Amino acid sequence: MKKVLIMLFLIPIAFAVTIIINMIRFQYPFFVALERSIYFYSQTKWSKNFSESSFSKIKLGMSESEVEQIMKRPLWKSCKLKTCIWAYSTGTDFNVDFDRRYVYFNNSRVSYIQKDYYAD
């Protein structure tokens, strides 16, 4: 009985620590860190030399060449008309949960920075 009570006490503490780690490591707000902690098995493939600190240097209005200078090459690029998406992370397989890091360009300038956890 004592072991059960100890486990009931330790499990919520371990979960809270996991949330805090996700908030610090990925710079996620609380609810995104909570979601990532619930779906704790992330299958994220990162671009070569990816770092959160470099990704956080990307600002709205930057040119494609400025982003490439900071981040190097993305995993993939997708362009239609004057809009492009550069992916610096992706799932390791179809229909998996992963940390999403995308940069959207409009007229070759950063128009949106996507940093979240995609839970399928």
N, C-alpha and C. Protein backbone atom coordinates (compact mmCIF):
# COMPACT_ATOMS: atom_id res chain seq x y z
N MET A 1 0.82 -1.20 0.00
CA MET A 1 0.00 0.00 0.00
C MET A 1 0.87 1.26 0.00
N LYS A 2 1.96 1.20 0.76
CA LYS A 2 2.86 2.35 0.84
C LYS A 2 3.47 2.65 -0.53
N LYS A 3 3.85 1.59 -1.26
CA LYS A 3 4.44 1.77 -2.59
C LYS A 3 3.46 2.41 -3.56
N VAL A 4 2.20 2.03 -3.45
CA VAL A 4 1.17 2.60 -4.32
C VAL A 4 1.01 4.09 -4.04
N LEU A 5 0.99 4.46 -2.79
CA LEU A 5 0.88 5.88 -2.42
C LEU A 5 2.09 6.68 -2.89
N ILE A 6 3.26 6.09 -2.77
CA ILE A 6 4.47 6.76 -3.25
C ILE A 6 4.39 6.97 -4.76
N MET A 7 3.96 5.95 -5.50
CA MET A 7 3.83 6.07 -6.96
C MET A 7 2.79 7.12 -7.33
N LEU A 8 1.67 7.15 -6.62
CA LEU A 8 0.64 8.16 -6.89
C LEU A 8 1.15 9.56 -6.61
N PHE A 9 2.11 9.68 -5.75
CA PHE A 9 2.71 10.97 -5.45
C PHE A 9 3.78 11.33 -6.49
N LEU A 10 4.57 10.35 -6.92
CA LEU A 10 5.69 10.62 -7.82
C LEU A 10 5.29 10.82 -9.28
N ILE A 11 4.25 10.16 -9.74
CA ILE A 11 3.85 10.27 -11.15
C ILE A 11 3.48 11.71 -11.53
N PRO A 12 2.64 12.41 -10.76
CA PRO A 12 2.34 13.80 -11.13
C PRO A 12 3.56 14.72 -11.08
N ILE A 13 4.47 14.44 -10.15
CA ILE A 13 5.69 15.25 -10.07
C ILE A 13 6.55 15.03 -11.31
N ALA A 14 6.70 13.78 -11.72
CA ALA A 14 7.47 13.47 -12.93
C ALA A 14 6.83 14.11 -14.16
N PHE A 15 5.51 14.11 -14.24
CA PHE A 15 4.81 14.73 -15.37
C PHE A 15 5.04 16.25 -15.37
N ALA A 16 4.97 16.86 -14.20
CA ALA A 16 5.21 18.31 -14.10
C ALA A 16 6.65 18.65 -14.52
N VAL A 17 7.60 17.83 -14.14
CA VAL A 17 8.99 18.05 -14.53
C VAL A 17 9.14 17.93 -16.05
N THR A 18 8.44 16.97 -16.65
CA THR A 18 8.47 16.82 -18.11
C THR A 18 7.94 18.07 -18.80
N ILE A 19 6.87 18.64 -18.29
CA ILE A 19 6.32 19.88 -18.86
C ILE A 19 7.35 21.01 -18.77
N ILE A 20 7.97 21.15 -17.62
CA ILE A 20 8.98 22.21 -17.43
C ILE A 20 10.17 22.01 -18.38
N ILE A 21 10.60 20.78 -18.53
CA ILE A 21 11.72 20.49 -19.45
C ILE A 21 11.34 20.90 -20.88
N ASN A 22 10.12 20.57 -21.32
CA ASN A 22 9.68 20.95 -22.66
C ASN A 22 9.56 22.46 -22.82
N MET A 23 9.18 23.16 -21.76
CA MET A 23 9.10 24.62 -21.83
C MET A 23 10.49 25.23 -21.98
N ILE A 24 11.46 24.67 -21.29
CA ILE A 24 12.82 25.20 -21.35
C ILE A 24 13.53 24.77 -22.63
N ARG A 25 13.50 23.49 -22.93
CA ARG A 25 14.25 22.95 -24.07
C ARG A 25 13.75 23.50 -25.41
N PHE A 26 12.42 23.56 -25.58
CA PHE A 26 11.86 23.97 -26.86
C PHE A 26 11.29 25.39 -26.83
N GLN A 27 11.37 26.04 -25.69
CA GLN A 27 10.84 27.39 -25.52
C GLN A 27 9.35 27.44 -25.86
N TYR A 28 8.63 26.39 -25.47
CA TYR A 28 7.19 26.31 -25.71
C TYR A 28 6.43 27.00 -24.60
N PRO A 29 5.28 27.61 -24.93
CA PRO A 29 4.39 28.06 -23.86
C PRO A 29 3.81 26.85 -23.13
N PHE A 30 3.20 27.09 -22.00
CA PHE A 30 2.74 26.01 -21.12
C PHE A 30 1.88 24.97 -21.84
N PHE A 31 0.84 25.40 -22.56
CA PHE A 31 -0.09 24.44 -23.13
C PHE A 31 0.52 23.61 -24.26
N VAL A 32 1.45 24.17 -25.00
CA VAL A 32 2.14 23.38 -26.02
C VAL A 32 3.07 22.37 -25.35
N ALA A 33 3.76 22.80 -24.29
CA ALA A 33 4.62 21.88 -23.54
C ALA A 33 3.78 20.77 -22.89
N LEU A 34 2.59 21.11 -22.43
CA LEU A 34 1.69 20.11 -21.87
C LEU A 34 1.30 19.08 -22.93
N GLU A 35 0.93 19.56 -24.13
CA GLU A 35 0.56 18.65 -25.21
C GLU A 35 1.72 17.74 -25.59
N ARG A 36 2.92 18.31 -25.68
CA ARG A 36 4.09 17.50 -26.03
C ARG A 36 4.38 16.48 -24.93
N SER A 37 4.09 16.82 -23.69
CA SER A 37 4.31 15.89 -22.58
C SER A 37 3.30 14.75 -22.60
N ILE A 38 2.08 15.05 -23.03
CA ILE A 38 1.06 14.00 -23.12
C ILE A 38 1.43 13.02 -24.22
N TYR A 39 1.84 13.56 -25.38
CA TYR A 39 2.28 12.74 -26.51
C TYR A 39 3.80 12.68 -26.47
N PHE A 40 4.34 12.05 -25.45
CA PHE A 40 5.78 12.15 -25.16
C PHE A 40 6.68 11.50 -26.19
N TYR A 41 6.14 10.71 -27.09
CA TYR A 41 6.99 10.03 -28.07
C TYR A 41 7.00 10.82 -29.36
N SER A 42 7.85 11.82 -29.44
CA SER A 42 7.97 12.65 -30.62
C SER A 42 8.87 11.97 -31.64
N GLN A 43 8.45 12.00 -32.91
CA GLN A 43 9.24 11.39 -33.98
C GLN A 43 9.69 12.50 -34.94
N THR A 44 10.50 13.39 -34.43
CA THR A 44 10.94 14.55 -35.20
C THR A 44 12.26 14.29 -35.89
N LYS A 45 12.30 14.63 -37.16
CA LYS A 45 13.56 14.63 -37.91
C LYS A 45 13.94 16.09 -38.11
N TRP A 46 15.12 16.46 -37.67
CA TRP A 46 15.59 17.84 -37.73
C TRP A 46 16.54 18.03 -38.91
N SER A 47 16.58 19.26 -39.42
CA SER A 47 17.56 19.56 -40.47
C SER A 47 18.96 19.52 -39.87
N LYS A 48 19.93 19.31 -40.73
CA LYS A 48 21.32 19.23 -40.28
C LYS A 48 21.70 20.54 -39.59
N ASN A 49 22.37 20.45 -38.47
CA ASN A 49 22.85 21.59 -37.69
C ASN A 49 21.72 22.45 -37.11
N PHE A 50 20.49 21.91 -36.99
CA PHE A 50 19.38 22.68 -36.42
C PHE A 50 19.65 22.98 -34.95
N SER A 51 19.30 24.20 -34.54
CA SER A 51 19.30 24.53 -33.11
C SER A 51 18.15 25.50 -32.84
N GLU A 52 17.54 25.36 -31.68
CA GLU A 52 16.45 26.25 -31.29
C GLU A 52 16.93 27.70 -31.20
N SER A 53 18.15 27.89 -30.71
CA SER A 53 18.66 29.26 -30.57
C SER A 53 18.81 29.93 -31.94
N SER A 54 19.27 29.19 -32.94
CA SER A 54 19.37 29.75 -34.29
C SER A 54 17.99 30.03 -34.86
N PHE A 55 17.07 29.10 -34.67
CA PHE A 55 15.72 29.28 -35.20
C PHE A 55 15.05 30.51 -34.59
N SER A 56 15.32 30.76 -33.32
CA SER A 56 14.69 31.92 -32.66
C SER A 56 15.25 33.25 -33.17
N LYS A 57 16.34 33.23 -33.92
CA LYS A 57 16.90 34.46 -34.50
C LYS A 57 16.17 34.90 -35.76
N ILE A 58 15.35 34.03 -36.32
CA ILE A 58 14.60 34.38 -37.53
C ILE A 58 13.50 35.38 -37.15
N LYS A 59 13.40 36.45 -37.90
CA LYS A 59 12.43 37.51 -37.64
C LYS A 59 11.59 37.77 -38.88
N LEU A 60 10.38 38.25 -38.67
CA LEU A 60 9.51 38.62 -39.78
C LEU A 60 10.20 39.67 -40.65
N GLY A 61 10.06 39.53 -41.96
CA GLY A 61 10.64 40.49 -42.89
C GLY A 61 12.04 40.13 -43.38
N MET A 62 12.66 39.13 -42.77
CA MET A 62 14.00 38.72 -43.23
C MET A 62 13.91 38.14 -44.64
N SER A 63 14.98 38.26 -45.39
CA SER A 63 15.04 37.69 -46.73
C SER A 63 15.39 36.20 -46.65
N GLU A 64 15.17 35.49 -47.76
CA GLU A 64 15.51 34.07 -47.82
C GLU A 64 17.00 33.86 -47.58
N SER A 65 17.83 34.74 -48.13
CA SER A 65 19.28 34.58 -47.95
C SER A 65 19.69 34.81 -46.50
N GLU A 66 19.03 35.73 -45.81
CA GLU A 66 19.34 35.95 -44.38
C GLU A 66 18.98 34.72 -43.56
N VAL A 67 17.82 34.12 -43.86
CA VAL A 67 17.40 32.91 -43.13
C VAL A 67 18.36 31.76 -43.42
N GLU A 68 18.74 31.62 -44.68
CA GLU A 68 19.66 30.54 -45.04
C GLU A 68 21.03 30.73 -44.39
N GLN A 69 21.43 31.98 -44.21
CA GLN A 69 22.70 32.25 -43.54
C GLN A 69 22.65 31.82 -42.07
N ILE A 70 21.50 32.02 -41.43
CA ILE A 70 21.34 31.65 -40.02
C ILE A 70 21.14 30.13 -39.87
N MET A 71 20.24 29.57 -40.69
CA MET A 71 19.78 28.20 -40.50
C MET A 71 20.42 27.17 -41.43
N LYS A 72 21.09 27.62 -42.46
CA LYS A 72 21.60 26.72 -43.51
C LYS A 72 20.42 26.15 -44.30
N ARG A 73 20.55 24.95 -44.84
CA ARG A 73 19.52 24.39 -45.72
C ARG A 73 18.38 23.75 -44.93
N PRO A 74 17.14 23.98 -45.38
CA PRO A 74 16.02 23.28 -44.75
C PRO A 74 15.95 21.83 -45.24
N LEU A 75 15.12 21.04 -44.58
CA LEU A 75 14.90 19.66 -45.02
C LEU A 75 14.21 19.64 -46.38
N TRP A 76 13.23 20.55 -46.55
CA TRP A 76 12.55 20.66 -47.83
C TRP A 76 11.99 22.05 -48.01
N LYS A 77 11.73 22.39 -49.27
CA LYS A 77 11.12 23.67 -49.63
C LYS A 77 9.92 23.37 -50.53
N SER A 78 8.88 24.15 -50.37
CA SER A 78 7.71 24.04 -51.23
C SER A 78 7.27 25.44 -51.62
N CYS A 79 7.21 25.71 -52.92
CA CYS A 79 6.86 27.05 -53.41
C CYS A 79 5.70 27.00 -54.40
N LYS A 80 4.79 27.93 -54.22
CA LYS A 80 3.68 28.13 -55.16
C LYS A 80 3.51 29.63 -55.34
N LEU A 81 3.58 30.05 -56.60
CA LEU A 81 3.52 31.47 -56.95
C LEU A 81 4.58 32.23 -56.17
N LYS A 82 4.18 33.18 -55.31
CA LYS A 82 5.16 33.98 -54.58
C LYS A 82 5.29 33.56 -53.12
N THR A 83 4.73 32.40 -52.78
CA THR A 83 4.76 31.92 -51.40
C THR A 83 5.59 30.63 -51.31
N CYS A 84 6.48 30.57 -50.32
CA CYS A 84 7.31 29.38 -50.10
C CYS A 84 7.24 28.97 -48.63
N ILE A 85 7.39 27.68 -48.41
CA ILE A 85 7.51 27.13 -47.05
C ILE A 85 8.84 26.40 -46.98
N TRP A 86 9.62 26.70 -45.96
CA TRP A 86 10.85 25.98 -45.70
C TRP A 86 10.67 25.20 -44.40
N ALA A 87 10.92 23.90 -44.44
CA ALA A 87 10.75 23.05 -43.26
C ALA A 87 12.11 22.70 -42.67
N TYR A 88 12.28 23.02 -41.40
CA TYR A 88 13.51 22.66 -40.68
C TYR A 88 13.29 21.45 -39.78
N SER A 89 12.07 20.93 -39.79
CA SER A 89 11.78 19.67 -39.10
C SER A 89 10.61 19.01 -39.81
N THR A 90 10.49 17.72 -39.61
CA THR A 90 9.37 16.97 -40.18
C THR A 90 9.21 15.70 -39.37
N GLY A 91 8.09 15.04 -39.58
CA GLY A 91 7.89 13.75 -38.92
C GLY A 91 8.72 12.68 -39.61
N THR A 92 9.10 11.66 -38.86
CA THR A 92 9.91 10.59 -39.44
C THR A 92 9.08 9.66 -40.32
N ASP A 93 7.77 9.79 -40.24
CA ASP A 93 6.88 8.94 -41.02
C ASP A 93 5.56 9.70 -41.18
N PHE A 94 4.68 9.18 -42.00
CA PHE A 94 3.37 9.78 -42.19
C PHE A 94 2.52 9.55 -40.95
N ASN A 95 1.74 10.54 -40.55
CA ASN A 95 0.84 10.46 -39.39
C ASN A 95 1.58 10.23 -38.07
N VAL A 96 2.60 11.01 -37.80
CA VAL A 96 3.30 10.92 -36.52
C VAL A 96 3.31 12.30 -35.85
N ASP A 97 3.55 12.31 -34.56
CA ASP A 97 3.67 13.56 -33.80
C ASP A 97 5.10 14.06 -33.92
N PHE A 98 5.23 15.38 -34.14
CA PHE A 98 6.58 15.92 -34.25
C PHE A 98 6.61 17.41 -33.92
N ASP A 99 7.81 17.89 -33.59
CA ASP A 99 8.05 19.31 -33.35
C ASP A 99 8.17 19.99 -34.71
N ARG A 100 7.28 20.95 -34.97
CA ARG A 100 7.22 21.56 -36.29
C ARG A 100 7.93 22.92 -36.27
N ARG A 101 8.89 23.08 -37.20
CA ARG A 101 9.62 24.33 -37.38
C ARG A 101 9.60 24.70 -38.86
N TYR A 102 8.67 25.56 -39.24
CA TYR A 102 8.51 25.98 -40.63
C TYR A 102 8.69 27.49 -40.72
N VAL A 103 9.23 27.94 -41.83
CA VAL A 103 9.33 29.37 -42.12
C VAL A 103 8.58 29.61 -43.43
N TYR A 104 7.65 30.56 -43.40
CA TYR A 104 6.85 30.90 -44.57
C TYR A 104 7.36 32.21 -45.16
N PHE A 105 7.48 32.22 -46.48
CA PHE A 105 7.95 33.41 -47.19
C PHE A 105 6.86 33.89 -48.15
N ASN A 106 6.72 35.19 -48.23
CA ASN A 106 5.87 35.81 -49.22
C ASN A 106 6.71 36.87 -49.92
N ASN A 107 6.84 36.78 -51.23
CA ASN A 107 7.73 37.68 -51.99
C ASN A 107 9.15 37.64 -51.45
N SER A 108 9.63 36.45 -51.12
CA SER A 108 11.00 36.19 -50.65
C SER A 108 11.33 36.82 -49.29
N ARG A 109 10.30 37.17 -48.52
CA ARG A 109 10.49 37.72 -47.16
C ARG A 109 9.71 36.86 -46.17
N VAL A 110 10.25 36.69 -44.97
CA VAL A 110 9.58 35.90 -43.94
C VAL A 110 8.25 36.57 -43.59
N SER A 111 7.17 35.79 -43.74
CA SER A 111 5.84 36.31 -43.42
C SER A 111 5.22 35.60 -42.20
N TYR A 112 5.73 34.41 -41.86
CA TYR A 112 5.21 33.67 -40.72
C TYR A 112 6.25 32.66 -40.26
N ILE A 113 6.38 32.50 -38.96
CA ILE A 113 7.31 31.54 -38.37
C ILE A 113 6.47 30.57 -37.54
N GLN A 114 6.49 29.31 -37.93
CA GLN A 114 5.69 28.30 -37.24
C GLN A 114 6.57 27.46 -36.34
N LYS A 115 6.26 27.52 -35.06
CA LYS A 115 7.00 26.76 -34.05
C LYS A 115 5.98 26.16 -33.10
N ASP A 116 5.68 24.89 -33.31
CA ASP A 116 4.70 24.23 -32.47
C ASP A 116 4.94 22.73 -32.45
N TYR A 117 4.05 22.05 -31.77
CA TYR A 117 4.10 20.59 -31.71
C TYR A 117 2.89 20.05 -32.43
N TYR A 118 3.13 19.28 -33.48
CA TYR A 118 2.04 18.72 -34.28
C TYR A 118 1.70 17.35 -33.74
N ALA A 119 0.49 17.21 -33.23
CA ALA A 119 0.01 15.92 -32.71
C ALA A 119 -1.06 15.40 -33.63
N ASP A 120 -0.80 14.27 -34.24
CA ASP A 120 -1.75 13.70 -35.18
C ASP A 120 -2.77 12.85 -34.46
